[in-house]
Amino acid sequence: MKNILLPACTVLILGLSAFTFHYTTQAKIGNDYVLAFSSEDVTGVFTKMKGDIVWDANNLANSKFNLAVEVSSINTGNGLKNKHAKADNWFDAKKYPKIEFITSKIEAKEEAFVAQGILTMHGISKEMSIPFKYEKTASGGNIKSTFDVDRTEFKIGEKEAKVSKIMHLDVLIPIVQ
């Protein structure tokens, strides 16, 4: 009996320790995400996003985001504005079909987090620090962020256009583990 009990206990302990110490989880992006933008002049959403999220609030060194938004999915609620936004002198959706954000580091800050990485829009890549909160849910969790982007830093639209330079973004990404 001792000969069977010792190997069985060893397997059980190793199995439990593997479960206990394996924190990082590859997560799927839930279908009910929100990528809303607003300014004094225009509001809307992007309706198509995909990417990879590896998330663990207890192991931020192994957490990362690699997200891509399809520019052609822009929806302002006005067909003419949508067409204009996708055109050459604004987003140029044919030449630059994606907006991407890839993290280089995620850090805890007070009661929230900051994702540092590269935001690429309109062929221009810039380092960004994007604040976000994570709230646990029954199916995984939600990543919520609110931040501003200066469209002229990415050469989107004319600098002297009568449209706001600062675009406010509200992001909600449900992650399912």
C-alpha atoms as a PDB file:
ATOM      1  CA  MET A   1       0.000   0.000   0.000  1.00  0.00           C
ATOM      2  CA  LYS A   2       2.885   2.398   0.818  1.00  0.00           C
ATOM      3  CA  ASN A   3       4.304   1.766  -2.635  1.00  0.00           C
ATOM      4  CA  ILE A   4       1.073   2.987  -4.280  1.00  0.00           C
ATOM      5  CA  LEU A   5       0.241   5.800  -1.847  1.00  0.00           C
ATOM      6  CA  LEU A   6       3.562   7.680  -2.158  1.00  0.00           C
ATOM      7  CA  PRO A   7       3.511   7.970  -5.990  1.00  0.00           C
ATOM      8  CA  ALA A   8      -0.196   8.861  -5.918  1.00  0.00           C
ATOM      9  CA  CYS A   9       0.398  11.650  -3.360  1.00  0.00           C
ATOM     10  CA  THR A  10       3.384  12.920  -5.351  1.00  0.00           C
ATOM     11  CA  VAL A  11       1.290  13.133  -8.534  1.00  0.00           C
ATOM     12  CA  LEU A  12      -1.517  14.883  -6.638  1.00  0.00           C
ATOM     13  CA  ILE A  13       0.847  17.433  -5.051  1.00  0.00           C
ATOM     14  CA  LEU A  14       2.611  18.153  -8.356  1.00  0.00           C
ATOM     15  CA  GLY A  15      -0.736  18.484 -10.086  1.00  0.00           C
ATOM     16  CA  LEU A  16      -2.031  20.922  -7.473  1.00  0.00           C
ATOM     17  CA  SER A  17       1.161  22.984  -7.521  1.00  0.00           C
ATOM     18  CA  ALA A  18       1.001  23.221 -11.321  1.00  0.00           C
ATOM     19  CA  PHE A  19      -2.582  24.471 -10.988  1.00  0.00           C
ATOM     20  CA  THR A  20      -1.708  26.854  -8.191  1.00  0.00           C
ATOM     21  CA  PHE A  21       1.293  28.448  -9.894  1.00  0.00           C
ATOM     22  CA  HIS A  22      -0.057  28.638 -13.447  1.00  0.00           C
ATOM     23  CA  TYR A  23      -1.567  32.123 -13.343  1.00  0.00           C
ATOM     24  CA  THR A  24      -1.462  33.472 -16.884  1.00  0.00           C
ATOM     25  CA  THR A  25      -4.470  32.674 -19.010  1.00  0.00           C
ATOM     26  CA  GLN A  26      -4.951  33.183 -22.725  1.00  0.00           C
ATOM     27  CA  ALA A  27      -8.263  35.003 -22.884  1.00  0.00           C
ATOM     28  CA  LYS A  28     -10.791  35.462 -25.657  1.00  0.00           C
ATOM     29  CA  ILE A  29     -12.331  38.825 -26.424  1.00  0.00           C
ATOM     30  CA  GLY A  30     -16.070  38.711 -25.772  1.00  0.00           C
ATOM     31  CA  ASN A  31     -18.483  39.763 -28.519  1.00  0.00           C
ATOM     32  CA  ASP A  32     -20.021  42.675 -26.628  1.00  0.00           C
ATOM     33  CA  TYR A  33     -16.968  44.955 -26.659  1.00  0.00           C
ATOM     34  CA  VAL A  34     -17.344  48.720 -27.056  1.00  0.00           C
ATOM     35  CA  LEU A  35     -14.911  50.991 -28.894  1.00  0.00           C
ATOM     36  CA  ALA A  36     -16.566  54.407 -28.774  1.00  0.00           C
ATOM     37  CA  PHE A  37     -15.060  57.750 -29.712  1.00  0.00           C
ATOM     38  CA  SER A  38     -16.301  61.283 -29.262  1.00  0.00           C
ATOM     39  CA  SER A  39     -15.283  64.881 -29.730  1.00  0.00           C
ATOM     40  CA  GLU A  40     -17.064  68.205 -29.896  1.00  0.00           C
ATOM     41  CA  ASP A  41     -17.859  67.452 -33.546  1.00  0.00           C
ATOM     42  CA  VAL A  42     -18.405  63.746 -34.034  1.00  0.00           C
ATOM     43  CA  THR A  43     -19.222  60.572 -32.127  1.00  0.00           C
ATOM     44  CA  GLY A  44     -19.234  56.961 -33.151  1.00  0.00           C
ATOM     45  CA  VAL A  45     -17.923  53.458 -32.706  1.00  0.00           C
ATOM     46  CA  PHE A  46     -15.674  50.933 -34.365  1.00  0.00           C
ATOM     47  CA  THR A  47     -17.541  47.648 -34.723  1.00  0.00           C
ATOM     48  CA  LYS A  48     -14.770  45.177 -35.590  1.00  0.00           C
ATOM     49  CA  MET A  49     -11.878  44.278 -33.333  1.00  0.00           C
ATOM     50  CA  LYS A  50      -9.782  41.188 -32.848  1.00  0.00           C
ATOM     51  CA  GLY A  51      -6.638  40.302 -31.034  1.00  0.00           C
ATOM     52  CA  ASP A  52      -4.954  38.364 -28.305  1.00  0.00           C
ATOM     53  CA  ILE A  53      -5.052  39.018 -24.590  1.00  0.00           C
ATOM     54  CA  VAL A  54      -2.997  37.222 -21.981  1.00  0.00           C
ATOM     55  CA  TRP A  55      -4.138  38.474 -18.606  1.00  0.00           C
ATOM     56  CA  ASP A  56      -3.429  37.880 -14.959  1.00  0.00           C
ATOM     57  CA  ALA A  57      -3.649  40.693 -12.425  1.00  0.00           C
ATOM     58  CA  ASN A  58      -1.318  38.671 -10.164  1.00  0.00           C
ATOM     59  CA  ASN A  59       1.363  38.257 -12.832  1.00  0.00           C
ATOM     60  CA  LEU A  60       1.527  41.455 -14.871  1.00  0.00           C
ATOM     61  CA  ALA A  61       4.964  40.606 -16.302  1.00  0.00           C
ATOM     62  CA  ASN A  62       3.345  37.848 -18.365  1.00  0.00           C
ATOM     63  CA  SER A  63       0.212  39.822 -19.261  1.00  0.00           C
ATOM     64  CA  LYS A  64      -0.057  41.419 -22.697  1.00  0.00           C
ATOM     65  CA  PHE A  65      -2.489  42.846 -25.240  1.00  0.00           C
ATOM     66  CA  ASN A  66      -2.221  42.667 -29.019  1.00  0.00           C
ATOM     67  CA  LEU A  67      -5.334  44.351 -30.407  1.00  0.00           C
ATOM     68  CA  ALA A  68      -6.380  45.386 -33.916  1.00  0.00           C
ATOM     69  CA  VAL A  69      -9.396  47.477 -34.924  1.00  0.00           C
ATOM     70  CA  GLU A  70     -10.657  47.503 -38.509  1.00  0.00           C
ATOM     71  CA  VAL A  71     -10.781  51.129 -39.656  1.00  0.00           C
ATOM     72  CA  SER A  72     -13.493  50.323 -42.223  1.00  0.00           C
ATOM     73  CA  SER A  73     -15.814  49.358 -39.340  1.00  0.00           C
ATOM     74  CA  ILE A  74     -16.153  52.998 -38.259  1.00  0.00           C
ATOM     75  CA  ASN A  75     -19.779  53.980 -37.676  1.00  0.00           C
ATOM     76  CA  THR A  76     -20.777  57.547 -36.860  1.00  0.00           C
ATOM     77  CA  GLY A  77     -24.463  56.942 -37.487  1.00  0.00           C
ATOM     78  CA  ASN A  78     -24.172  58.980 -40.703  1.00  0.00           C
ATOM     79  CA  GLY A  79     -23.258  57.243 -43.979  1.00  0.00           C
ATOM     80  CA  LEU A  80     -21.671  60.364 -45.475  1.00  0.00           C
ATOM     81  CA  LYS A  81     -19.507  60.936 -42.370  1.00  0.00           C
ATOM     82  CA  ASN A  82     -18.481  57.257 -42.414  1.00  0.00           C
ATOM     83  CA  LYS A  83     -17.428  57.517 -46.061  1.00  0.00           C
ATOM     84  CA  HIS A  84     -15.535  60.743 -45.339  1.00  0.00           C
ATOM     85  CA  ALA A  85     -13.752  59.204 -42.304  1.00  0.00           C
ATOM     86  CA  LYS A  86     -12.564  56.224 -44.409  1.00  0.00           C
ATOM     87  CA  ALA A  87     -11.329  58.470 -47.255  1.00  0.00           C
ATOM     88  CA  ASP A  88      -7.721  59.315 -48.122  1.00  0.00           C
ATOM     89  CA  ASN A  89      -7.579  62.655 -46.295  1.00  0.00           C
ATOM     90  CA  TRP A  90      -8.728  61.146 -42.975  1.00  0.00           C
ATOM     91  CA  PHE A  91      -8.144  57.513 -41.905  1.00  0.00           C
ATOM     92  CA  ASP A  92      -7.374  56.238 -45.450  1.00  0.00           C
ATOM     93  CA  ALA A  93      -8.871  52.827 -44.657  1.00  0.00           C
ATOM     94  CA  LYS A  94      -7.626  51.222 -47.882  1.00  0.00           C
ATOM     95  CA  LYS A  95      -3.987  52.113 -47.245  1.00  0.00           C
ATOM     96  CA  TYR A  96      -4.118  51.794 -43.428  1.00  0.00           C
ATOM     97  CA  PRO A  97      -6.816  49.184 -42.696  1.00  0.00           C
ATOM     98  CA  LYS A  98      -6.017  48.675 -38.993  1.00  0.00           C
ATOM     99  CA  ILE A  99      -5.478  50.567 -35.791  1.00  0.00           C
ATOM    100  CA  GLU A 100      -3.226  48.451 -33.559  1.00  0.00           C
ATOM    101  CA  PHE A 101      -2.131  48.518 -29.955  1.00  0.00           C
ATOM    102  CA  ILE A 102       0.574  46.147 -28.720  1.00  0.00           C
ATOM    103  CA  THR A 103       1.726  46.333 -25.129  1.00  0.00           C
ATOM    104  CA  SER A 104       5.321  46.281 -24.008  1.00  0.00           C
ATOM    105  CA  LYS A 105       4.503  46.385 -20.293  1.00  0.00           C
ATOM    106  CA  ILE A 106       1.514  46.450 -17.964  1.00  0.00           C
ATOM    107  CA  GLU A 107       1.843  47.966 -14.497  1.00  0.00           C
ATOM    108  CA  ALA A 108      -0.390  48.366 -11.475  1.00  0.00           C
ATOM    109  CA  LYS A 109      -1.096  51.971 -10.571  1.00  0.00           C
ATOM    110  CA  GLU A 110      -3.105  52.810  -7.466  1.00  0.00           C
ATOM    111  CA  GLU A 111      -6.409  50.929  -7.891  1.00  0.00           C
ATOM    112  CA  ALA A 112      -6.000  50.454 -11.655  1.00  0.00           C
ATOM    113  CA  PHE A 113      -3.445  49.521 -14.309  1.00  0.00           C
ATOM    114  CA  VAL A 114      -1.478  51.178 -17.097  1.00  0.00           C
ATOM    115  CA  ALA A 115      -0.783  49.447 -20.404  1.00  0.00           C
ATOM    116  CA  GLN A 116       2.347  50.803 -22.031  1.00  0.00           C
ATOM    117  CA  GLY A 117       2.888  50.009 -25.660  1.00  0.00           C
ATOM    118  CA  ILE A 118       2.780  51.105 -29.266  1.00  0.00           C
ATOM    119  CA  LEU A 119      -0.364  52.553 -30.823  1.00  0.00           C
ATOM    120  CA  THR A 120      -0.287  52.522 -34.624  1.00  0.00           C
ATOM    121  CA  MET A 121      -2.771  54.532 -36.670  1.00  0.00           C
ATOM    122  CA  HIS A 122      -2.542  55.854 -40.209  1.00  0.00           C
ATOM    123  CA  GLY A 123       0.913  54.300 -40.597  1.00  0.00           C
ATOM    124  CA  ILE A 124       2.339  56.173 -37.605  1.00  0.00           C
ATOM    125  CA  SER A 125       3.427  54.375 -34.430  1.00  0.00           C
ATOM    126  CA  LYS A 126       3.677  56.146 -31.093  1.00  0.00           C
ATOM    127  CA  GLU A 127       4.373  55.032 -27.558  1.00  0.00           C
ATOM    128  CA  MET A 128       1.283  55.357 -25.408  1.00  0.00           C
ATOM    129  CA  SER A 129       0.387  54.760 -21.788  1.00  0.00           C
ATOM    130  CA  ILE A 130      -3.253  53.779 -21.578  1.00  0.00           C
ATOM    131  CA  PRO A 131      -4.910  53.595 -18.154  1.00  0.00           C
ATOM    132  CA  PHE A 132      -7.477  50.886 -17.530  1.00  0.00           C
ATOM    133  CA  LYS A 133      -9.396  49.106 -14.827  1.00  0.00           C
ATOM    134  CA  TYR A 134     -10.077  45.409 -14.599  1.00  0.00           C
ATOM    135  CA  GLU A 135     -13.153  44.006 -12.946  1.00  0.00           C
ATOM    136  CA  LYS A 136     -13.653  40.305 -12.469  1.00  0.00           C
ATOM    137  CA  THR A 137     -16.890  38.761 -13.762  1.00  0.00           C
ATOM    138  CA  ALA A 138     -18.380  35.276 -13.642  1.00  0.00           C
ATOM    139  CA  SER A 139     -17.137  34.510 -17.174  1.00  0.00           C
ATOM    140  CA  GLY A 140     -13.730  36.215 -16.914  1.00  0.00           C
ATOM    141  CA  GLY A 141     -13.554  39.973 -16.582  1.00  0.00           C
ATOM    142  CA  ASN A 142     -13.902  43.399 -18.158  1.00  0.00           C
ATOM    143  CA  ILE A 143     -11.152  45.762 -19.161  1.00  0.00           C
ATOM    144  CA  LYS A 144     -12.393  49.366 -19.114  1.00  0.00           C
ATOM    145  CA  SER A 145     -10.455  52.360 -20.320  1.00  0.00           C
ATOM    146  CA  THR A 146     -11.031  56.027 -21.023  1.00  0.00           C
ATOM    147  CA  PHE A 147      -8.315  58.097 -22.684  1.00  0.00           C
ATOM    148  CA  ASP A 148      -7.687  60.809 -25.283  1.00  0.00           C
ATOM    149  CA  VAL A 149      -5.779  60.738 -28.567  1.00  0.00           C
ATOM    150  CA  ASP A 150      -4.661  63.744 -30.624  1.00  0.00           C
ATOM    151  CA  ARG A 151      -5.573  62.761 -34.198  1.00  0.00           C
ATOM    152  CA  THR A 152      -3.054  65.256 -35.630  1.00  0.00           C
ATOM    153  CA  GLU A 153      -0.152  63.339 -34.030  1.00  0.00           C
ATOM    154  CA  PHE A 154      -1.131  60.479 -36.357  1.00  0.00           C
ATOM    155  CA  LYS A 155      -1.738  62.802 -39.349  1.00  0.00           C
ATOM    156  CA  ILE A 156      -5.421  61.921 -39.447  1.00  0.00           C
ATOM    157  CA  GLY A 157      -7.282  64.729 -41.183  1.00  0.00           C
ATOM    158  CA  GLU A 158      -5.974  68.171 -41.841  1.00  0.00           C
ATOM    159  CA  LYS A 159      -4.256  69.910 -38.951  1.00  0.00           C
ATOM    160  CA  GLU A 160      -6.267  73.075 -39.477  1.00  0.00           C
ATOM    161  CA  ALA A 161      -9.592  71.301 -40.034  1.00  0.00           C
ATOM    162  CA  LYS A 162     -12.568  72.625 -38.092  1.00  0.00           C
ATOM    163  CA  VAL A 163     -12.857  69.227 -36.416  1.00  0.00           C
ATOM    164  CA  SER A 164     -11.551  68.673 -32.902  1.00  0.00           C
ATOM    165  CA  LYS A 165      -7.973  67.479 -32.667  1.00  0.00           C
ATOM    166  CA  ILE A 166      -8.614  65.528 -29.464  1.00  0.00           C
ATOM    167  CA  MET A 167     -10.664  62.357 -29.715  1.00  0.00           C
ATOM    168  CA  HIS A 168     -11.975  60.871 -26.482  1.00  0.00           C
ATOM    169  CA  LEU A 169     -12.142  57.070 -26.389  1.00  0.00           C
ATOM    170  CA  ASP A 170     -14.218  54.810 -24.156  1.00  0.00           C
ATOM    171  CA  VAL A 171     -13.257  51.164 -24.352  1.00  0.00           C
ATOM    172  CA  LEU A 172     -14.848  48.105 -22.800  1.00  0.00           C
ATOM    173  CA  ILE A 173     -13.322  44.723 -23.590  1.00  0.00           C
ATOM    174  CA  PRO A 174     -14.948  41.712 -22.006  1.00  0.00           C
ATOM    175  CA  ILE A 175     -12.476  38.872 -21.696  1.00  0.00           C
ATOM    176  CA  VAL A 176     -13.605  35.304 -21.420  1.00  0.00           C
ATOM    177  CA  GLN A 177     -11.196  32.787 -19.948  1.00  0.00           C
END
